[in-house]
Amino acid sequence: MIGYITWNIDPEIINLFGLISIRYYGVFFITGLLLGYYIVKQIFNGENIGIENLDTLTVYIFIGTIIGARLGHCLFYEPEYFLRNPLEIILPFTWKIGDHFEFTGYRGLASHGGAIGVLLATLIYCRKKHFNFLWVLDRVAIATPVTGAFIRLGNFMNSEIIGNPTNSNFGVVFQKVDLLPRHPAQLYEAIAYILIFLILLWTFNKLKKSNNDGYIFGLFLVLLFTIRFVIEFFKINQVEFESEMLLNVGQLLSIPFIIMGIGLMIWKGKRL
């Protein structure tokens, strides 16, 4: 065990009145969203776009993210359970007759579902406000990896989405799970997402005067979901049925996004 990091932090920061649990995951989630908002705000300011437009867009994206991520987890990973308990999809607590009440929050959010939710929410916003859909997605895409990085830090605090056992010096022992040194897959993703943010920001500043709306978003899809596809090899499966699959659910869901991104880059790259 010498040389490995031992991780056993309580994911709960404080419990209010024995009912409401304030957890590191929620704090990191909100922090990531606020940082994403700040980044897009700076971009809008640099292009003389009214901040009131961003405020409305933020509301759409927040709702789309939560609904999409929640439905994505319920339908992609645990459809049988949530079809039997449909109210638990939308309620942040569990309670059955004769059983105790527990505020759980929304435990179980799928990034692929969140991505679909953001796309649909942005599309609705653009149609209502008469904005160019791809133009908006380019700017939102730059900030999204930062939010994703903080969400993965929240997963690390929860000792969830852990990696496979490893003998490398990067191993972390998640004592709430077992005593095996494992790949800190959450940290791998968080670091990768920050690098993607820097690449996207550099590319945006280089190409922002070009007539190529959608290229940045395409690059975002390729980079983020390729990283997600690769890191899945280092993770344990989230649900039991994945052990019988050649590629797990996360990898299968990443492929269409990668293909979409390549298509956008080829289409829009012709104008560079």
Foldseek 3Di string as FASTA:
>chain_A
DPLAAEDEADQFPDDPPVADTHGLLVVLLVVLLVQLLVQLVVVCVVVVHDCVLSVVLSVLLVVLLLLQFLVCQCVLPPVPVCVVVVVLSPAQWDDDVVDDIHRRGRPGTHVLRSVVSSLVSLVVSCVVVVHDSLQVLLSSLLSVLSSLLSSLVSCVSVVPQWFDADPDSQFYQHVVVHRGTAHSLSNVSSVQSVVLSVVLVVVCVVCVVFPQRNLSNLSSLQSNLVSQLVSVVGTDAPHDVQVPPPGGSSNVSSVVSNVVSVVSNVVRVVRD
